[in-house]
Amino acid sequence: MAEHNIDAFDDDRAKRRMFQEFEQAIWESNRAAITAATGGISKESVLRVAITVSRLRARYLREVMKLSADTGAEILDPSAVLDLRQMREAYEEALNAFGALRHALERGYIDFAHTKR
């Protein structure tokens, strides 16, 4: 029969406890910082962010389609390409921000504010 090292078991348990304490401290820090920075977040405000992302995506894709239809065999106008890049960057930035918001919601860093109906 294999011998068990009780000290190693205690060390593992102490490490798990330490990491649980880290997780709890990180959770509390995130919750406090996000609440202080954002104030109350409502379900409606989250939906508005999602709608903003969809509008930015639609605007970007509209321009992509417009450029492809307008150019034919011609070379794209550099200013049109720069405009397209700015639209893409705005869309991607908003998408990343929404991802961060969703992550914070999923982790429980944010409580939904009560809204009047």
N, C-alpha and C. Protein backbone atom coordinates (compact mmCIF):
# COMPACT_ATOMS: atom_id res chain seq x y z
N MET A 1 0.84 -1.18 0.00
CA MET A 1 0.00 0.00 0.00
C MET A 1 0.89 1.25 0.00
N ALA A 2 0.52 2.23 -0.80
CA ALA A 2 1.32 3.44 -0.91
C ALA A 2 1.16 4.30 0.34
N GLU A 3 2.25 4.90 0.74
CA GLU A 3 2.20 5.80 1.88
C GLU A 3 1.75 7.18 1.41
N HIS A 4 0.99 7.85 2.24
CA HIS A 4 0.53 9.20 1.91
C HIS A 4 1.30 10.21 2.74
N ASN A 5 1.67 11.25 2.08
CA ASN A 5 2.39 12.31 2.77
C ASN A 5 1.37 13.32 3.28
N ILE A 6 1.11 13.29 4.57
CA ILE A 6 0.12 14.18 5.18
C ILE A 6 0.53 15.64 5.00
N ASP A 7 1.81 15.93 5.08
CA ASP A 7 2.27 17.31 4.91
C ASP A 7 1.95 17.83 3.52
N ALA A 8 2.11 16.98 2.49
CA ALA A 8 1.79 17.39 1.12
C ALA A 8 0.31 17.65 0.98
N PHE A 9 -0.51 16.83 1.62
CA PHE A 9 -1.97 17.02 1.58
C PHE A 9 -2.33 18.36 2.23
N ASP A 10 -1.73 18.63 3.37
CA ASP A 10 -1.99 19.90 4.06
C ASP A 10 -1.51 21.09 3.23
N ASP A 11 -0.36 20.92 2.54
CA ASP A 11 0.15 21.98 1.67
C ASP A 11 -0.81 22.25 0.52
N ASP A 12 -1.33 21.20 -0.09
CA ASP A 12 -2.29 21.36 -1.19
C ASP A 12 -3.56 22.06 -0.71
N ARG A 13 -4.03 21.66 0.44
CA ARG A 13 -5.23 22.28 0.98
C ARG A 13 -4.98 23.75 1.31
N ALA A 14 -3.82 24.05 1.84
CA ALA A 14 -3.46 25.45 2.15
C ALA A 14 -3.36 26.28 0.87
N LYS A 15 -2.79 25.68 -0.18
CA LYS A 15 -2.70 26.40 -1.47
C LYS A 15 -4.09 26.66 -2.05
N ARG A 16 -4.96 25.65 -2.00
CA ARG A 16 -6.33 25.84 -2.50
C ARG A 16 -7.04 26.93 -1.73
N ARG A 17 -6.88 26.93 -0.42
CA ARG A 17 -7.51 27.96 0.42
C ARG A 17 -6.96 29.34 0.05
N MET A 18 -5.64 29.42 -0.16
CA MET A 18 -5.02 30.70 -0.51
C MET A 18 -5.57 31.20 -1.85
N PHE A 19 -5.68 30.31 -2.84
CA PHE A 19 -6.21 30.73 -4.14
C PHE A 19 -7.68 31.10 -4.06
N GLN A 20 -8.44 30.43 -3.21
CA GLN A 20 -9.84 30.82 -3.00
C GLN A 20 -9.91 32.23 -2.40
N GLU A 21 -9.01 32.51 -1.49
CA GLU A 21 -8.95 33.85 -0.91
C GLU A 21 -8.58 34.89 -1.96
N PHE A 22 -7.64 34.54 -2.84
CA PHE A 22 -7.30 35.45 -3.95
C PHE A 22 -8.52 35.72 -4.82
N GLU A 23 -9.20 34.65 -5.21
CA GLU A 23 -10.38 34.79 -6.07
C GLU A 23 -11.43 35.68 -5.41
N GLN A 24 -11.66 35.49 -4.12
CA GLN A 24 -12.64 36.29 -3.41
C GLN A 24 -12.21 37.76 -3.38
N ALA A 25 -10.93 38.01 -3.10
CA ALA A 25 -10.44 39.39 -3.06
C ALA A 25 -10.52 40.05 -4.44
N ILE A 26 -10.20 39.30 -5.48
CA ILE A 26 -10.29 39.82 -6.85
C ILE A 26 -11.74 40.12 -7.20
N TRP A 27 -12.65 39.23 -6.84
CA TRP A 27 -14.08 39.43 -7.11
C TRP A 27 -14.56 40.70 -6.40
N GLU A 28 -14.22 40.84 -5.12
CA GLU A 28 -14.66 42.02 -4.36
C GLU A 28 -14.07 43.30 -4.94
N SER A 29 -12.82 43.25 -5.36
CA SER A 29 -12.17 44.42 -5.96
C SER A 29 -12.84 44.82 -7.26
N ASN A 30 -13.10 43.82 -8.12
CA ASN A 30 -13.79 44.10 -9.38
C ASN A 30 -15.17 44.67 -9.14
N ARG A 31 -15.90 44.07 -8.24
CA ARG A 31 -17.27 44.52 -7.96
C ARG A 31 -17.26 45.96 -7.47
N ALA A 32 -16.37 46.28 -6.53
CA ALA A 32 -16.31 47.64 -5.99
C ALA A 32 -15.88 48.64 -7.06
N ALA A 33 -14.84 48.31 -7.82
CA ALA A 33 -14.33 49.25 -8.84
C ALA A 33 -15.35 49.48 -9.95
N ILE A 34 -15.98 48.41 -10.41
CA ILE A 34 -16.94 48.55 -11.51
C ILE A 34 -18.18 49.30 -11.05
N THR A 35 -18.65 49.00 -9.86
CA THR A 35 -19.82 49.71 -9.33
C THR A 35 -19.51 51.20 -9.17
N ALA A 36 -18.32 51.51 -8.67
CA ALA A 36 -17.94 52.92 -8.50
C ALA A 36 -17.82 53.62 -9.85
N ALA A 37 -17.33 52.92 -10.85
CA ALA A 37 -17.11 53.54 -12.16
C ALA A 37 -18.38 53.67 -12.98
N THR A 38 -19.28 52.71 -12.85
CA THR A 38 -20.45 52.69 -13.74
C THR A 38 -21.74 53.11 -13.07
N GLY A 39 -21.77 53.10 -11.76
CA GLY A 39 -23.03 53.37 -11.07
C GLY A 39 -23.98 52.21 -11.33
N GLY A 40 -25.26 52.49 -11.37
CA GLY A 40 -26.23 51.44 -11.62
C GLY A 40 -26.32 51.10 -13.09
N ILE A 41 -26.31 49.82 -13.37
CA ILE A 41 -26.48 49.34 -14.74
C ILE A 41 -27.80 48.61 -14.79
N SER A 42 -28.64 49.00 -15.72
CA SER A 42 -29.94 48.35 -15.86
C SER A 42 -29.91 47.38 -17.03
N LYS A 43 -30.88 46.50 -17.05
CA LYS A 43 -31.01 45.58 -18.18
C LYS A 43 -31.19 46.37 -19.47
N GLU A 44 -31.91 47.47 -19.38
CA GLU A 44 -32.15 48.31 -20.55
C GLU A 44 -30.84 48.92 -21.06
N SER A 45 -29.96 49.33 -20.15
CA SER A 45 -28.70 49.93 -20.59
C SER A 45 -27.80 48.89 -21.24
N VAL A 46 -27.82 47.66 -20.77
CA VAL A 46 -27.05 46.59 -21.41
C VAL A 46 -27.60 46.33 -22.80
N LEU A 47 -28.91 46.30 -22.93
CA LEU A 47 -29.52 46.11 -24.24
C LEU A 47 -29.17 47.25 -25.18
N ARG A 48 -29.13 48.48 -24.68
CA ARG A 48 -28.74 49.62 -25.53
C ARG A 48 -27.32 49.48 -26.03
N VAL A 49 -26.42 48.97 -25.18
CA VAL A 49 -25.04 48.73 -25.62
C VAL A 49 -25.03 47.69 -26.73
N ALA A 50 -25.76 46.61 -26.56
CA ALA A 50 -25.82 45.56 -27.58
C ALA A 50 -26.36 46.11 -28.90
N ILE A 51 -27.37 46.96 -28.83
CA ILE A 51 -27.94 47.56 -30.03
C ILE A 51 -26.93 48.49 -30.69
N THR A 52 -26.18 49.22 -29.91
CA THR A 52 -25.13 50.09 -30.46
C THR A 52 -24.11 49.27 -31.23
N VAL A 53 -23.69 48.14 -30.65
CA VAL A 53 -22.73 47.26 -31.33
C VAL A 53 -23.32 46.77 -32.66
N SER A 54 -24.59 46.38 -32.64
CA SER A 54 -25.19 45.89 -33.89
C SER A 54 -25.29 46.99 -34.94
N ARG A 55 -25.54 48.20 -34.52
CA ARG A 55 -25.60 49.32 -35.48
C ARG A 55 -24.22 49.63 -36.06
N LEU A 56 -23.20 49.57 -35.22
CA LEU A 56 -21.84 49.78 -35.72
C LEU A 56 -21.44 48.68 -36.70
N ARG A 57 -21.82 47.45 -36.39
CA ARG A 57 -21.54 46.33 -37.31
C ARG A 57 -22.26 46.55 -38.63
N ALA A 58 -23.52 46.94 -38.57
CA ALA A 58 -24.30 47.17 -39.79
C ALA A 58 -23.71 48.30 -40.62
N ARG A 59 -23.29 49.37 -39.97
CA ARG A 59 -22.69 50.50 -40.69
C ARG A 59 -21.40 50.07 -41.38
N TYR A 60 -20.59 49.32 -40.69
CA TYR A 60 -19.33 48.82 -41.25
C TYR A 60 -19.61 47.92 -42.45
N LEU A 61 -20.51 46.98 -42.30
CA LEU A 61 -20.82 46.06 -43.41
C LEU A 61 -21.47 46.78 -44.59
N ARG A 62 -22.29 47.78 -44.30
CA ARG A 62 -22.89 48.58 -45.38
C ARG A 62 -21.79 49.24 -46.21
N GLU A 63 -20.79 49.78 -45.53
CA GLU A 63 -19.69 50.44 -46.25
C GLU A 63 -18.85 49.43 -47.03
N VAL A 64 -18.65 48.26 -46.48
CA VAL A 64 -17.92 47.22 -47.20
C VAL A 64 -18.65 46.89 -48.51
N MET A 65 -19.94 46.71 -48.41
CA MET A 65 -20.73 46.37 -49.59
C MET A 65 -20.75 47.55 -50.57
N LYS A 66 -20.85 48.75 -50.07
CA LYS A 66 -20.85 49.94 -50.92
C LYS A 66 -19.54 50.07 -51.68
N LEU A 67 -18.42 49.86 -50.98
CA LEU A 67 -17.12 49.95 -51.64
C LEU A 67 -16.98 48.90 -52.73
N SER A 68 -17.41 47.70 -52.45
CA SER A 68 -17.27 46.65 -53.45
C SER A 68 -18.17 46.90 -54.65
N ALA A 69 -19.31 47.53 -54.44
CA ALA A 69 -20.22 47.82 -55.55
C ALA A 69 -19.75 49.02 -56.36
N ASP A 70 -19.16 50.00 -55.69
CA ASP A 70 -18.77 51.24 -56.35
C ASP A 70 -17.47 51.12 -57.14
N THR A 71 -16.60 50.22 -56.76
CA THR A 71 -15.26 50.24 -57.35
C THR A 71 -15.16 49.50 -58.67
N GLY A 72 -15.83 48.40 -58.80
CA GLY A 72 -15.66 47.61 -60.01
C GLY A 72 -14.20 47.24 -60.16
N ALA A 73 -13.59 47.62 -61.29
CA ALA A 73 -12.18 47.31 -61.53
C ALA A 73 -11.26 48.44 -61.08
N GLU A 74 -11.84 49.53 -60.58
CA GLU A 74 -11.03 50.67 -60.16
C GLU A 74 -10.34 50.40 -58.82
N ILE A 75 -9.28 51.16 -58.61
CA ILE A 75 -8.58 51.09 -57.32
C ILE A 75 -9.39 51.89 -56.31
N LEU A 76 -9.46 51.37 -55.09
CA LEU A 76 -10.21 52.04 -54.03
C LEU A 76 -9.58 53.38 -53.69
N ASP A 77 -10.42 54.35 -53.41
CA ASP A 77 -9.98 55.66 -52.95
C ASP A 77 -9.37 55.49 -51.56
N PRO A 78 -8.14 55.95 -51.35
CA PRO A 78 -7.50 55.78 -50.04
C PRO A 78 -8.32 56.36 -48.89
N SER A 79 -9.01 57.46 -49.12
CA SER A 79 -9.80 58.05 -48.03
C SER A 79 -10.99 57.14 -47.68
N ALA A 80 -11.53 56.45 -48.68
CA ALA A 80 -12.62 55.51 -48.41
C ALA A 80 -12.12 54.33 -47.58
N VAL A 81 -10.91 53.89 -47.86
CA VAL A 81 -10.32 52.80 -47.10
C VAL A 81 -10.06 53.24 -45.66
N LEU A 82 -9.59 54.46 -45.47
CA LEU A 82 -9.37 54.98 -44.12
C LEU A 82 -10.69 55.09 -43.36
N ASP A 83 -11.73 55.56 -44.03
CA ASP A 83 -13.05 55.63 -43.40
C ASP A 83 -13.52 54.24 -42.99
N LEU A 84 -13.31 53.28 -43.88
CA LEU A 84 -13.71 51.91 -43.60
C LEU A 84 -12.95 51.38 -42.37
N ARG A 85 -11.67 51.66 -42.29
CA ARG A 85 -10.88 51.20 -41.15
C ARG A 85 -11.41 51.80 -39.85
N GLN A 86 -11.73 53.10 -39.88
CA GLN A 86 -12.27 53.73 -38.68
C GLN A 86 -13.59 53.09 -38.27
N MET A 87 -14.42 52.74 -39.24
CA MET A 87 -15.69 52.08 -38.92
C MET A 87 -15.45 50.70 -38.32
N ARG A 88 -14.48 49.98 -38.89
CA ARG A 88 -14.15 48.66 -38.36
C ARG A 88 -13.62 48.77 -36.94
N GLU A 89 -12.72 49.72 -36.72
CA GLU A 89 -12.15 49.89 -35.39
C GLU A 89 -13.22 50.27 -34.37
N ALA A 90 -14.14 51.13 -34.76
CA ALA A 90 -15.23 51.51 -33.86
C ALA A 90 -16.09 50.29 -33.52
N TYR A 91 -16.42 49.51 -34.54
CA TYR A 91 -17.21 48.30 -34.32
C TYR A 91 -16.46 47.32 -33.42
N GLU A 92 -15.19 47.04 -33.73
CA GLU A 92 -14.42 46.08 -32.95
C GLU A 92 -14.23 46.55 -31.51
N GLU A 93 -14.01 47.83 -31.33
CA GLU A 93 -13.83 48.36 -29.97
C GLU A 93 -15.12 48.22 -29.18
N ALA A 94 -16.25 48.54 -29.80
CA ALA A 94 -17.53 48.40 -29.12
C ALA A 94 -17.83 46.92 -28.81
N LEU A 95 -17.49 46.04 -29.74
CA LEU A 95 -17.69 44.61 -29.53
C LEU A 95 -16.85 44.11 -28.36
N ASN A 96 -15.59 44.53 -28.30
CA ASN A 96 -14.73 44.15 -27.17
C ASN A 96 -15.26 44.70 -25.86
N ALA A 97 -15.75 45.93 -25.89
CA ALA A 97 -16.30 46.53 -24.68
C ALA A 97 -17.54 45.78 -24.22
N PHE A 98 -18.38 45.39 -25.15
CA PHE A 98 -19.56 44.61 -24.79
C PHE A 98 -19.15 43.26 -24.21
N GLY A 99 -18.10 42.67 -24.76
CA GLY A 99 -17.59 41.42 -24.21
C GLY A 99 -17.13 41.59 -22.77
N ALA A 100 -16.47 42.71 -22.47
CA ALA A 100 -16.02 42.99 -21.11
C ALA A 100 -17.22 43.19 -20.19
N LEU A 101 -18.24 43.87 -20.68
CA LEU A 101 -19.46 44.08 -19.91
C LEU A 101 -20.14 42.73 -19.62
N ARG A 102 -20.23 41.92 -20.64
CA ARG A 102 -20.87 40.60 -20.48
C ARG A 102 -20.08 39.75 -19.48
N HIS A 103 -18.75 39.78 -19.57
CA HIS A 103 -17.91 39.04 -18.63
C HIS A 103 -18.17 39.51 -17.20
N ALA A 104 -18.24 40.82 -17.00
CA ALA A 104 -18.48 41.36 -15.67
C ALA A 104 -19.85 40.93 -15.15
N LEU A 105 -20.83 40.91 -16.02
CA LEU A 105 -22.16 40.45 -15.62
C LEU A 105 -22.15 38.97 -15.25
N GLU A 106 -21.50 38.16 -16.09
CA GLU A 106 -21.45 36.73 -15.84
C GLU A 106 -20.72 36.40 -14.55
N ARG A 107 -19.70 37.17 -14.22
CA ARG A 107 -18.92 36.94 -13.00
C ARG A 107 -19.60 37.50 -11.75
N GLY A 108 -20.67 38.24 -11.93
CA GLY A 108 -21.38 38.80 -10.78
C GLY A 108 -20.76 40.06 -10.24
N TYR A 109 -19.97 40.75 -11.06
CA TYR A 109 -19.35 42.01 -10.61
C TYR A 109 -20.36 43.15 -10.60
N ILE A 110 -21.48 42.97 -11.29
CA ILE A 110 -22.45 44.03 -11.46
C ILE A 110 -23.82 43.54 -11.00
N ASP A 111 -24.49 44.37 -10.22
CA ASP A 111 -25.90 44.14 -9.90
C ASP A 111 -26.71 45.03 -10.82
N PHE A 112 -27.80 44.51 -11.29
CA PHE A 112 -28.66 45.33 -12.11
C PHE A 112 -29.39 46.34 -11.23
N ALA A 113 -29.40 47.59 -11.69
CA ALA A 113 -30.15 48.63 -10.99
C ALA A 113 -31.63 48.43 -11.28
N HIS A 114 -32.43 48.77 -10.33
CA HIS A 114 -33.87 48.67 -10.53
C HIS A 114 -34.34 49.87 -11.33
N THR A 115 -35.13 49.63 -12.33
CA THR A 115 -35.67 50.71 -13.14
C THR A 115 -37.16 50.79 -12.95
N LYS A 116 -37.68 52.00 -13.06
CA LYS A 116 -39.12 52.22 -12.91
C LYS A 116 -39.82 51.91 -14.21
N ARG A 117 -40.98 51.33 -14.11
CA ARG A 117 -41.78 51.03 -15.30
C ARG A 117 -43.07 51.76 -15.23
